[in-house]
Each structure stands twice: as structure tokens, then as C-alpha cells.
N, C-alpha and C. Protein backbone atom coordinates (compact mmCIF):
# COMPACT_ATOMS: atom_id res chain seq x y z
N MET A 1 -21.10 -3.14 -27.62
CA MET A 1 -22.15 -2.21 -27.29
C MET A 1 -21.79 -1.40 -26.03
N LYS A 2 -21.18 -2.08 -25.02
CA LYS A 2 -20.78 -1.39 -23.80
C LYS A 2 -19.78 -0.29 -24.10
N LYS A 3 -18.83 -0.58 -25.00
CA LYS A 3 -17.80 0.40 -25.34
C LYS A 3 -18.42 1.64 -25.98
N ILE A 4 -19.43 1.46 -26.80
CA ILE A 4 -20.11 2.58 -27.44
C ILE A 4 -20.81 3.44 -26.39
N ILE A 5 -21.49 2.79 -25.46
CA ILE A 5 -22.20 3.53 -24.40
C ILE A 5 -21.20 4.30 -23.54
N ILE A 6 -20.08 3.66 -23.17
CA ILE A 6 -19.06 4.34 -22.37
C ILE A 6 -18.49 5.52 -23.14
N ALA A 7 -18.22 5.34 -24.44
CA ALA A 7 -17.69 6.44 -25.26
C ALA A 7 -18.67 7.60 -25.31
N LEU A 8 -19.96 7.32 -25.42
CA LEU A 8 -20.97 8.39 -25.46
C LEU A 8 -21.05 9.12 -24.12
N ILE A 9 -20.91 8.39 -23.03
CA ILE A 9 -20.93 9.03 -21.70
C ILE A 9 -19.73 9.96 -21.56
N VAL A 10 -18.54 9.46 -21.94
CA VAL A 10 -17.33 10.29 -21.86
C VAL A 10 -17.47 11.52 -22.74
N LEU A 11 -18.00 11.36 -23.94
CA LEU A 11 -18.21 12.49 -24.85
C LEU A 11 -19.18 13.50 -24.23
N GLY A 12 -20.23 12.99 -23.60
CA GLY A 12 -21.20 13.88 -22.95
C GLY A 12 -20.59 14.68 -21.83
N ILE A 13 -19.73 14.03 -21.04
CA ILE A 13 -19.06 14.74 -19.94
C ILE A 13 -18.14 15.82 -20.51
N GLY A 14 -17.42 15.49 -21.56
CA GLY A 14 -16.54 16.48 -22.20
C GLY A 14 -17.31 17.66 -22.75
N LEU A 15 -18.45 17.39 -23.38
CA LEU A 15 -19.28 18.49 -23.90
C LEU A 15 -19.85 19.33 -22.77
N ALA A 16 -20.21 18.67 -21.67
CA ALA A 16 -20.74 19.41 -20.52
C ALA A 16 -19.68 20.36 -19.98
N ALA A 17 -18.42 19.93 -19.96
CA ALA A 17 -17.34 20.79 -19.48
C ALA A 17 -17.21 22.00 -20.39
N CYS A 18 -17.34 21.80 -21.71
CA CYS A 18 -17.27 22.92 -22.65
C CYS A 18 -18.43 23.88 -22.44
N GLU A 19 -19.61 23.32 -22.17
CA GLU A 19 -20.78 24.16 -21.95
C GLU A 19 -20.62 24.98 -20.66
N ASN A 20 -19.86 24.46 -19.72
CA ASN A 20 -19.62 25.17 -18.47
C ASN A 20 -18.49 26.18 -18.59
N GLY A 21 -18.04 26.45 -19.81
CA GLY A 21 -17.01 27.45 -20.00
C GLY A 21 -15.64 26.88 -20.23
N GLY A 22 -15.49 25.57 -20.32
CA GLY A 22 -14.20 24.97 -20.62
C GLY A 22 -13.32 24.82 -19.40
N VAL A 23 -12.02 24.69 -19.67
CA VAL A 23 -11.05 24.39 -18.62
C VAL A 23 -9.89 25.37 -18.70
N ASN A 24 -9.44 25.83 -17.54
CA ASN A 24 -8.21 26.61 -17.41
C ASN A 24 -7.11 25.66 -16.98
N SER A 25 -5.92 25.80 -17.54
CA SER A 25 -4.78 24.98 -17.12
C SER A 25 -3.54 25.85 -17.01
N LYS A 26 -2.70 25.50 -16.04
CA LYS A 26 -1.41 26.16 -15.92
C LYS A 26 -0.42 25.17 -15.34
N THR A 27 0.85 25.41 -15.61
CA THR A 27 1.92 24.55 -15.12
C THR A 27 2.58 25.24 -13.93
N ARG A 28 2.76 24.48 -12.85
CA ARG A 28 3.34 25.03 -11.63
C ARG A 28 4.37 24.07 -11.05
N ALA A 29 5.30 24.62 -10.27
CA ALA A 29 6.31 23.81 -9.58
C ALA A 29 5.83 23.56 -8.15
N LEU A 30 5.99 22.33 -7.69
CA LEU A 30 5.57 21.91 -6.36
C LEU A 30 6.70 21.14 -5.71
N ILE A 31 6.94 21.41 -4.44
CA ILE A 31 7.95 20.67 -3.67
C ILE A 31 7.21 19.87 -2.60
N THR A 32 7.37 18.54 -2.64
CA THR A 32 6.68 17.68 -1.68
C THR A 32 7.52 17.50 -0.43
N GLU A 33 6.84 17.40 0.71
CA GLU A 33 7.51 17.07 1.96
C GLU A 33 7.70 15.56 2.02
N PRO A 34 8.69 15.07 2.77
CA PRO A 34 9.03 13.65 2.74
C PRO A 34 8.18 12.74 3.63
N THR A 35 7.24 13.30 4.39
CA THR A 35 6.49 12.47 5.33
C THR A 35 5.05 12.25 4.88
N LEU A 36 4.55 11.08 5.20
CA LEU A 36 3.19 10.69 4.90
C LEU A 36 2.45 10.51 6.22
N THR A 37 1.23 10.98 6.28
CA THR A 37 0.43 10.83 7.48
C THR A 37 -0.99 10.46 7.09
N GLU A 38 -1.72 9.85 7.99
CA GLU A 38 -3.12 9.55 7.72
C GLU A 38 -3.97 10.63 8.37
N MET A 39 -4.92 11.14 7.60
CA MET A 39 -5.79 12.20 8.10
C MET A 39 -7.23 11.85 7.80
N GLU A 40 -8.11 12.32 8.63
CA GLU A 40 -9.53 12.15 8.40
C GLU A 40 -10.00 13.32 7.52
N ILE A 41 -10.57 13.00 6.36
CA ILE A 41 -11.06 14.04 5.46
C ILE A 41 -12.46 13.70 5.00
N ASN A 42 -13.18 14.69 4.54
CA ASN A 42 -14.47 14.45 3.90
C ASN A 42 -14.20 14.28 2.42
N ALA A 43 -14.33 13.05 1.93
CA ALA A 43 -14.04 12.74 0.53
C ALA A 43 -15.09 13.36 -0.37
N TRP A 44 -14.72 13.55 -1.60
CA TRP A 44 -15.61 14.13 -2.59
C TRP A 44 -16.14 13.04 -3.48
N PRO A 45 -17.35 13.01 -3.93
CA PRO A 45 -18.37 14.00 -3.60
C PRO A 45 -18.81 13.88 -2.15
N MET A 46 -19.52 14.85 -1.70
CA MET A 46 -19.89 14.97 -0.29
C MET A 46 -20.26 13.62 0.31
N SER A 47 -19.44 13.16 1.23
CA SER A 47 -19.73 11.89 1.89
C SER A 47 -20.28 12.19 3.28
N GLN A 48 -21.07 11.27 3.76
CA GLN A 48 -21.67 11.43 5.08
C GLN A 48 -20.65 11.21 6.19
N GLU A 49 -19.71 10.32 5.94
CA GLU A 49 -18.72 9.98 6.95
C GLU A 49 -17.32 10.39 6.49
N PRO A 50 -16.49 10.91 7.39
CA PRO A 50 -15.09 11.20 7.03
C PRO A 50 -14.36 9.91 6.67
N THR A 51 -13.36 10.05 5.82
CA THR A 51 -12.54 8.93 5.36
C THR A 51 -11.13 9.11 5.89
N LEU A 52 -10.49 8.03 6.32
CA LEU A 52 -9.10 8.06 6.73
C LEU A 52 -8.26 7.89 5.47
N ALA A 53 -7.46 8.90 5.13
CA ALA A 53 -6.71 8.88 3.87
C ALA A 53 -5.23 9.17 4.11
N PRO A 54 -4.34 8.49 3.37
CA PRO A 54 -2.91 8.79 3.45
C PRO A 54 -2.62 10.11 2.73
N MET A 55 -2.00 11.06 3.44
CA MET A 55 -1.81 12.40 2.90
C MET A 55 -0.35 12.84 3.03
N TYR A 56 0.07 13.70 2.09
CA TYR A 56 1.38 14.36 2.17
C TYR A 56 1.18 15.82 1.79
N ARG A 57 2.11 16.65 2.21
CA ARG A 57 2.00 18.09 2.00
C ARG A 57 2.95 18.51 0.88
N GLY A 58 2.50 19.46 0.09
CA GLY A 58 3.33 20.05 -0.95
C GLY A 58 3.30 21.57 -0.83
N ARG A 59 4.39 22.22 -1.25
CA ARG A 59 4.47 23.69 -1.20
C ARG A 59 4.65 24.20 -2.64
N TRP A 60 3.74 25.08 -3.04
CA TRP A 60 3.82 25.68 -4.38
C TRP A 60 4.98 26.66 -4.42
N GLU A 61 5.83 26.53 -5.41
CA GLU A 61 7.02 27.36 -5.50
C GLU A 61 6.67 28.81 -5.87
N ASP A 62 5.60 29.03 -6.61
CA ASP A 62 5.27 30.39 -7.07
C ASP A 62 4.73 31.31 -5.97
N ASN A 63 4.05 30.75 -4.97
CA ASN A 63 3.50 31.62 -3.93
C ASN A 63 3.74 31.12 -2.50
N GLY A 64 4.40 29.97 -2.34
CA GLY A 64 4.72 29.45 -1.02
C GLY A 64 3.57 28.80 -0.27
N ALA A 65 2.38 28.78 -0.87
CA ALA A 65 1.22 28.18 -0.22
C ALA A 65 1.40 26.67 -0.14
N THR A 66 0.90 26.07 0.95
CA THR A 66 0.98 24.62 1.09
C THR A 66 -0.38 24.01 0.77
N GLN A 67 -0.34 22.76 0.36
CA GLN A 67 -1.55 22.04 0.00
C GLN A 67 -1.38 20.57 0.34
N LEU A 68 -2.47 19.93 0.75
CA LEU A 68 -2.45 18.51 1.05
C LEU A 68 -2.82 17.71 -0.19
N PHE A 69 -2.14 16.58 -0.38
CA PHE A 69 -2.43 15.66 -1.46
C PHE A 69 -2.56 14.27 -0.87
N SER A 70 -3.33 13.42 -1.52
CA SER A 70 -3.52 12.06 -1.07
C SER A 70 -2.83 11.08 -2.01
N THR A 71 -2.40 9.96 -1.46
CA THR A 71 -1.86 8.89 -2.29
C THR A 71 -2.98 7.95 -2.74
N ASP A 72 -4.19 8.16 -2.24
CA ASP A 72 -5.34 7.32 -2.60
C ASP A 72 -6.00 7.88 -3.86
N PRO A 73 -5.94 7.16 -4.98
CA PRO A 73 -6.50 7.67 -6.24
C PRO A 73 -8.01 7.85 -6.22
N ASN A 74 -8.68 7.32 -5.19
CA ASN A 74 -10.13 7.48 -5.10
C ASN A 74 -10.56 8.81 -4.49
N ILE A 75 -9.60 9.57 -3.98
CA ILE A 75 -9.90 10.88 -3.40
C ILE A 75 -9.80 11.91 -4.53
N GLN A 76 -10.92 12.26 -5.12
CA GLN A 76 -10.94 13.15 -6.28
C GLN A 76 -10.38 14.52 -5.96
N GLY A 77 -9.56 15.04 -6.87
CA GLY A 77 -9.04 16.39 -6.75
C GLY A 77 -7.92 16.57 -5.74
N MET A 78 -7.54 15.50 -5.05
CA MET A 78 -6.49 15.61 -4.04
C MET A 78 -5.31 14.71 -4.35
N THR A 79 -5.21 14.25 -5.59
CA THR A 79 -4.09 13.42 -6.01
C THR A 79 -3.38 14.10 -7.17
N ILE A 80 -2.17 13.65 -7.45
CA ILE A 80 -1.44 14.12 -8.62
C ILE A 80 -1.33 12.91 -9.54
N GLU A 81 -2.09 12.94 -10.61
CA GLU A 81 -2.11 11.82 -11.55
C GLU A 81 -0.71 11.60 -12.12
N GLY A 82 -0.23 10.36 -12.06
CA GLY A 82 1.08 10.02 -12.60
C GLY A 82 2.22 10.12 -11.60
N PHE A 83 1.96 10.62 -10.40
CA PHE A 83 3.01 10.73 -9.38
C PHE A 83 2.80 9.70 -8.30
N GLU A 84 3.87 8.97 -7.97
CA GLU A 84 3.81 8.00 -6.89
C GLU A 84 4.67 8.50 -5.74
N PHE A 85 4.03 8.92 -4.66
CA PHE A 85 4.73 9.43 -3.49
C PHE A 85 5.56 8.33 -2.86
N GLU A 86 6.80 8.65 -2.46
CA GLU A 86 7.66 7.71 -1.76
C GLU A 86 8.14 8.39 -0.48
N GLU A 87 7.74 7.84 0.65
CA GLU A 87 8.09 8.43 1.94
C GLU A 87 9.61 8.48 2.11
N GLY A 88 10.09 9.59 2.68
CA GLY A 88 11.52 9.77 2.92
C GLY A 88 12.22 10.57 1.83
N TYR A 89 11.48 10.98 0.81
CA TYR A 89 12.06 11.74 -0.29
C TYR A 89 11.31 13.07 -0.47
N GLU A 90 12.08 14.12 -0.66
CA GLU A 90 11.52 15.42 -1.04
C GLU A 90 11.65 15.50 -2.56
N CYS A 91 10.57 15.82 -3.22
CA CYS A 91 10.58 15.89 -4.69
C CYS A 91 10.17 17.27 -5.17
N LYS A 92 10.84 17.72 -6.21
CA LYS A 92 10.40 18.92 -6.90
C LYS A 92 9.72 18.44 -8.18
N LEU A 93 8.47 18.83 -8.34
CA LEU A 93 7.65 18.38 -9.46
C LEU A 93 7.20 19.55 -10.32
N ILE A 94 7.02 19.29 -11.58
CA ILE A 94 6.29 20.21 -12.45
C ILE A 94 4.91 19.57 -12.64
N VAL A 95 3.87 20.30 -12.27
CA VAL A 95 2.52 19.79 -12.24
C VAL A 95 1.62 20.66 -13.10
N LYS A 96 0.75 20.02 -13.86
CA LYS A 96 -0.28 20.76 -14.61
C LYS A 96 -1.52 20.81 -13.73
N GLU A 97 -1.91 22.04 -13.38
CA GLU A 97 -3.09 22.26 -12.55
C GLU A 97 -4.22 22.70 -13.48
N SER A 98 -5.33 22.01 -13.44
CA SER A 98 -6.47 22.34 -14.29
C SER A 98 -7.69 22.62 -13.45
N SER A 99 -8.56 23.49 -13.95
CA SER A 99 -9.81 23.79 -13.25
C SER A 99 -10.86 24.21 -14.28
N TYR A 100 -12.11 23.97 -13.93
CA TYR A 100 -13.22 24.41 -14.77
C TYR A 100 -13.37 25.92 -14.64
N LYS A 101 -13.65 26.60 -15.76
CA LYS A 101 -13.91 28.04 -15.70
C LYS A 101 -15.20 28.30 -14.93
N ASN A 102 -16.22 27.50 -15.20
CA ASN A 102 -17.50 27.57 -14.49
C ASN A 102 -17.79 26.16 -13.98
N PRO A 103 -17.31 25.82 -12.78
CA PRO A 103 -17.36 24.43 -12.32
C PRO A 103 -18.77 23.92 -12.06
N PRO A 104 -19.01 22.64 -12.41
CA PRO A 104 -20.26 22.01 -12.00
C PRO A 104 -20.27 21.87 -10.48
N THR A 105 -21.42 21.83 -9.88
CA THR A 105 -21.48 21.77 -8.42
C THR A 105 -21.21 20.38 -7.86
N ASP A 106 -21.19 19.36 -8.72
CA ASP A 106 -21.05 18.00 -8.22
C ASP A 106 -19.66 17.40 -8.39
N CYS A 107 -18.65 18.23 -8.61
CA CYS A 107 -17.29 17.68 -8.71
C CYS A 107 -16.27 18.71 -8.23
N ARG A 108 -15.08 18.23 -7.93
CA ARG A 108 -14.00 19.12 -7.52
C ARG A 108 -13.66 20.05 -8.67
N ASN A 109 -13.27 21.26 -8.35
CA ASN A 109 -12.95 22.24 -9.38
C ASN A 109 -11.54 22.08 -9.92
N GLN A 110 -10.63 21.52 -9.15
CA GLN A 110 -9.24 21.43 -9.59
C GLN A 110 -8.78 19.98 -9.63
N TRP A 111 -7.85 19.70 -10.55
CA TRP A 111 -7.20 18.41 -10.60
C TRP A 111 -5.78 18.61 -11.09
N TYR A 112 -4.92 17.63 -10.81
CA TYR A 112 -3.49 17.79 -11.02
C TYR A 112 -2.93 16.59 -11.79
N LYS A 113 -1.94 16.88 -12.66
CA LYS A 113 -1.29 15.82 -13.43
C LYS A 113 0.21 16.10 -13.46
N LEU A 114 1.00 15.07 -13.20
CA LEU A 114 2.45 15.20 -13.21
C LEU A 114 2.94 15.45 -14.63
N VAL A 115 3.76 16.49 -14.80
CA VAL A 115 4.42 16.76 -16.07
C VAL A 115 5.80 16.11 -16.04
N LYS A 116 6.57 16.40 -14.95
CA LYS A 116 7.86 15.74 -14.79
C LYS A 116 8.37 15.89 -13.36
N VAL A 117 9.24 14.97 -12.98
CA VAL A 117 9.94 15.05 -11.69
C VAL A 117 11.27 15.73 -11.97
N VAL A 118 11.47 16.91 -11.37
CA VAL A 118 12.70 17.68 -11.57
C VAL A 118 13.82 17.12 -10.71
N SER A 119 13.49 16.82 -9.44
CA SER A 119 14.49 16.26 -8.53
C SER A 119 13.82 15.39 -7.48
N LYS A 120 14.61 14.47 -6.94
CA LYS A 120 14.15 13.57 -5.89
C LYS A 120 15.32 13.39 -4.93
N THR A 121 15.17 13.93 -3.71
CA THR A 121 16.26 13.95 -2.75
C THR A 121 15.89 13.17 -1.49
N LYS A 122 16.75 12.23 -1.09
CA LYS A 122 16.54 11.47 0.14
C LYS A 122 16.72 12.40 1.33
N VAL A 123 15.76 12.37 2.26
CA VAL A 123 15.80 13.19 3.47
C VAL A 123 15.97 12.26 4.66
N GLU A 124 16.98 12.52 5.46
CA GLU A 124 17.29 11.65 6.62
C GLU A 124 16.56 12.14 7.84
């Protein structure tokens, strides 16, 4: 019975996303920096207190913009699903970036999933 209820909830969320205009997705190249640092961030959904989270920086190859990512899977929208950051290595990744066309107000608009690791280079 629990499995049926969970399946209905997941189906409802999927239908809600379609009602909000669906999802846009694109594949992008990202180069990660080799260092990890802890930063205080406001976790999503809106939390009253900042959270100390392990973060690393990535640079998008298409436009040079940098972005922070977390190694903590509980930080919604700031992780790359399927990628395990390893300090001391610079990685070139192919990442699928997805976003809602008309985002709900109670969740992050973007999320990321690893497509493949192109290269992994030890940085001294």
C-alpha cells in the first residue's frame, strides 16, 4: 500500500511539472576547480538558519561563468547528480542542466545530472 501511495505522489509531482509548462534541458561542459571549501549558505527550501556546506566551484565552458556546487546531496539544486567530487582533481564534465519552464515557487528552478566525465587531472 505504501508503494502505491508513493507512486501516486511521484506521478502527481510529474503532472504538476507538466502543468507548469514542462522542463527545459540542455547539455553543457563544466570544468571543476580542485579545491573544496566549507561555506555558509541558505539551503533550499528557505531555511531560517544558514547551513555550513562543503562547496566547490565550476566554470561553464560555453560562457565562462562560474557556479558553486555542493557535495552534500541534501542541498537541492546545488549538486550534480551522479558526480562525486574528489579534492585535488580538476575535472571536465558533460552535465545535463534542467529547469522548469514555469517554475513552482517552492523549489529550485535548476538541477544538474552528470552525463559523463571527459577528463580528470591531478592538480599539485
